Amino acid sequence: MDSKKRHKLERMGGRISTVADFLGLTEAEEAVVELRLQLAAAVRIKRVGARLTQAELARAIGSSQSRVAKMENGDPQASIESLVRALAALGGKPRLKVA
């Protein structure tokens, strides 16, 4: 947010916070959300790079197109395990980096 908008918001009584603060997420919950979003983005990037449709990827992993769409959108109904399996089917090798 640029400083002009920030100052206007503050003058109107608003406050600036993070999504995690707004939703009241713990650090662990925030880490899970971030991991899910990174995996989801990686699935989409790999799928598009492989020139596959969502339906084609779904067939390759024994799932449905709607489930692949949920995976790519970071939907909590799509498990982290299914995201990793989709990446593996696309030739990806997810690595965990603990900071």
C-alpha atoms as a PDB file:
ATOM      1  CA  MET A   1       0.000   0.000   0.000  1.00  0.00           C
ATOM      2  CA  ASP A   2       1.424   3.364  -0.923  1.00  0.00           C
ATOM      3  CA  SER A   3       1.963   5.967   1.792  1.00  0.00           C
ATOM      4  CA  LYS A   4      -0.796   8.277   0.519  1.00  0.00           C
ATOM      5  CA  LYS A   5      -3.433   5.547   0.871  1.00  0.00           C
ATOM      6  CA  ARG A   6      -1.992   4.470   4.225  1.00  0.00           C
ATOM      7  CA  HIS A   7      -2.222   7.990   5.663  1.00  0.00           C
ATOM      8  CA  LYS A   8      -5.776   8.434   4.352  1.00  0.00           C
ATOM      9  CA  LEU A   9      -6.829   5.144   5.921  1.00  0.00           C
ATOM     10  CA  GLU A  10      -5.232   6.054   9.239  1.00  0.00           C
ATOM     11  CA  ARG A  11      -6.930   9.492   9.219  1.00  0.00           C
ATOM     12  CA  MET A  12     -10.269   7.730   8.770  1.00  0.00           C
ATOM     13  CA  GLY A  13      -9.581   5.579  11.842  1.00  0.00           C
ATOM     14  CA  GLY A  14      -8.537   2.442   9.986  1.00  0.00           C
ATOM     15  CA  ARG A  15      -5.610   0.319  10.901  1.00  0.00           C
ATOM     16  CA  ILE A  16      -3.120  -1.676   8.876  1.00  0.00           C
ATOM     17  CA  SER A  17      -2.578  -5.321   9.753  1.00  0.00           C
ATOM     18  CA  THR A  18      -1.621  -8.599   8.171  1.00  0.00           C
ATOM     19  CA  VAL A  19      -3.999 -11.306   7.031  1.00  0.00           C
ATOM     20  CA  ALA A  20      -2.677 -13.527   9.817  1.00  0.00           C
ATOM     21  CA  ASP A  21      -3.470 -10.851  12.412  1.00  0.00           C
ATOM     22  CA  PHE A  22      -6.926 -10.245  10.937  1.00  0.00           C
ATOM     23  CA  LEU A  23      -7.774 -13.959  10.995  1.00  0.00           C
ATOM     24  CA  GLY A  24      -6.043 -14.562  14.324  1.00  0.00           C
ATOM     25  CA  LEU A  25      -3.738 -17.249  12.938  1.00  0.00           C
ATOM     26  CA  THR A  26      -1.008 -18.744  15.052  1.00  0.00           C
ATOM     27  CA  GLU A  27       2.491 -18.956  13.597  1.00  0.00           C
ATOM     28  CA  ALA A  28       1.932 -22.666  12.921  1.00  0.00           C
ATOM     29  CA  GLU A  29      -1.366 -22.017  11.106  1.00  0.00           C
ATOM     30  CA  GLU A  30       0.236 -19.250   9.081  1.00  0.00           C
ATOM     31  CA  ALA A  31       3.073 -21.620   8.098  1.00  0.00           C
ATOM     32  CA  VAL A  32       0.583 -24.257   6.903  1.00  0.00           C
ATOM     33  CA  VAL A  33      -1.312 -21.703   4.822  1.00  0.00           C
ATOM     34  CA  GLU A  34       1.913 -20.425   3.286  1.00  0.00           C
ATOM     35  CA  LEU A  35       3.097 -23.973   2.492  1.00  0.00           C
ATOM     36  CA  ARG A  36      -0.251 -24.826   0.891  1.00  0.00           C
ATOM     37  CA  LEU A  37      -0.142 -21.683  -1.273  1.00  0.00           C
ATOM     38  CA  GLN A  38       3.436 -22.373  -2.387  1.00  0.00           C
ATOM     39  CA  LEU A  39       2.581 -25.957  -3.317  1.00  0.00           C
ATOM     40  CA  ALA A  40      -0.570 -24.833  -5.129  1.00  0.00           C
ATOM     41  CA  ALA A  41       1.381 -22.310  -7.190  1.00  0.00           C
ATOM     42  CA  ALA A  42       4.023 -24.925  -8.000  1.00  0.00           C
ATOM     43  CA  VAL A  43       1.377 -27.390  -9.239  1.00  0.00           C
ATOM     44  CA  ARG A  44      -0.084 -24.777 -11.558  1.00  0.00           C
ATOM     45  CA  ILE A  45       3.306 -23.657 -12.863  1.00  0.00           C
ATOM     46  CA  LYS A  46       4.426 -27.245 -13.509  1.00  0.00           C
ATOM     47  CA  ARG A  47       1.117 -28.194 -15.147  1.00  0.00           C
ATOM     48  CA  VAL A  48       1.112 -25.185 -17.456  1.00  0.00           C
ATOM     49  CA  GLY A  49       4.788 -25.784 -18.231  1.00  0.00           C
ATOM     50  CA  ALA A  50       3.971 -29.374 -19.170  1.00  0.00           C
ATOM     51  CA  ARG A  51       1.142 -28.068 -21.399  1.00  0.00           C
ATOM     52  CA  LEU A  52      -1.444 -30.152 -19.608  1.00  0.00           C
ATOM     53  CA  THR A  53      -5.014 -29.214 -18.880  1.00  0.00           C
ATOM     54  CA  GLN A  54      -6.409 -29.646 -15.406  1.00  0.00           C
ATOM     55  CA  ALA A  55      -8.441 -32.597 -16.741  1.00  0.00           C
ATOM     56  CA  GLU A  56      -5.315 -34.255 -18.145  1.00  0.00           C
ATOM     57  CA  LEU A  57      -3.468 -33.877 -14.850  1.00  0.00           C
ATOM     58  CA  ALA A  58      -6.526 -35.200 -13.029  1.00  0.00           C
ATOM     59  CA  ARG A  59      -6.529 -38.350 -15.163  1.00  0.00           C
ATOM     60  CA  ALA A  60      -2.799 -38.820 -14.526  1.00  0.00           C
ATOM     61  CA  ILE A  61      -3.284 -38.729 -10.741  1.00  0.00           C
ATOM     62  CA  GLY A  62      -6.620 -40.536 -10.648  1.00  0.00           C
ATOM     63  CA  SER A  63      -8.615 -37.518  -9.605  1.00  0.00           C
ATOM     64  CA  SER A  64     -11.105 -35.043 -11.061  1.00  0.00           C
ATOM     65  CA  GLN A  65     -10.621 -31.734 -12.846  1.00  0.00           C
ATOM     66  CA  SER A  66     -12.489 -29.932 -10.066  1.00  0.00           C
ATOM     67  CA  ARG A  67     -10.100 -31.390  -7.484  1.00  0.00           C
ATOM     68  CA  VAL A  68      -7.102 -30.163  -9.498  1.00  0.00           C
ATOM     69  CA  ALA A  69      -8.710 -26.713  -9.664  1.00  0.00           C
ATOM     70  CA  LYS A  70      -9.090 -26.789  -5.871  1.00  0.00           C
ATOM     71  CA  MET A  71      -5.464 -27.834  -5.505  1.00  0.00           C
ATOM     72  CA  GLU A  72      -4.269 -24.966  -7.681  1.00  0.00           C
ATOM     73  CA  ASN A  73      -6.379 -22.474  -5.737  1.00  0.00           C
ATOM     74  CA  GLY A  74      -5.028 -23.550  -2.347  1.00  0.00           C
ATOM     75  CA  ASP A  75      -8.406 -24.869  -1.191  1.00  0.00           C
ATOM     76  CA  PRO A  76      -8.116 -26.461   2.265  1.00  0.00           C
ATOM     77  CA  GLN A  77     -10.145 -29.449   1.000  1.00  0.00           C
ATOM     78  CA  ALA A  78      -7.131 -30.418  -1.117  1.00  0.00           C
ATOM     79  CA  SER A  79      -4.655 -32.069   1.200  1.00  0.00           C
ATOM     80  CA  ILE A  80      -0.987 -31.178   1.246  1.00  0.00           C
ATOM     81  CA  GLU A  81      -0.355 -34.826   0.397  1.00  0.00           C
ATOM     82  CA  SER A  82      -2.439 -34.539  -2.786  1.00  0.00           C
ATOM     83  CA  LEU A  83      -0.540 -31.401  -3.773  1.00  0.00           C
ATOM     84  CA  VAL A  84       2.763 -33.245  -3.362  1.00  0.00           C
ATOM     85  CA  ARG A  85       1.444 -36.220  -5.360  1.00  0.00           C
ATOM     86  CA  ALA A  86       0.372 -33.906  -8.183  1.00  0.00           C
ATOM     87  CA  LEU A  87       3.812 -32.306  -8.225  1.00  0.00           C
ATOM     88  CA  ALA A  88       5.460 -35.720  -8.330  1.00  0.00           C
ATOM     89  CA  ALA A  89       3.224 -36.741 -11.252  1.00  0.00           C
ATOM     90  CA  LEU A  90       4.405 -33.609 -13.048  1.00  0.00           C
ATOM     91  CA  GLY A  91       8.036 -34.547 -12.516  1.00  0.00           C
ATOM     92  CA  GLY A  92       8.558 -32.194  -9.617  1.00  0.00           C
ATOM     93  CA  LYS A  93      10.579 -33.116  -6.567  1.00  0.00           C
ATOM     94  CA  PRO A  94       9.359 -30.995  -3.660  1.00  0.00           C
ATOM     95  CA  ARG A  95      12.011 -30.278  -1.056  1.00  0.00           C
ATOM     96  CA  LEU A  96      11.338 -29.109   2.451  1.00  0.00           C
ATOM     97  CA  LYS A  97      13.486 -26.254   3.649  1.00  0.00           C
ATOM     98  CA  VAL A  98      13.129 -25.508   7.333  1.00  0.00           C
ATOM     99  CA  ALA A  99      14.155 -21.992   8.267  1.00  0.00           C
END
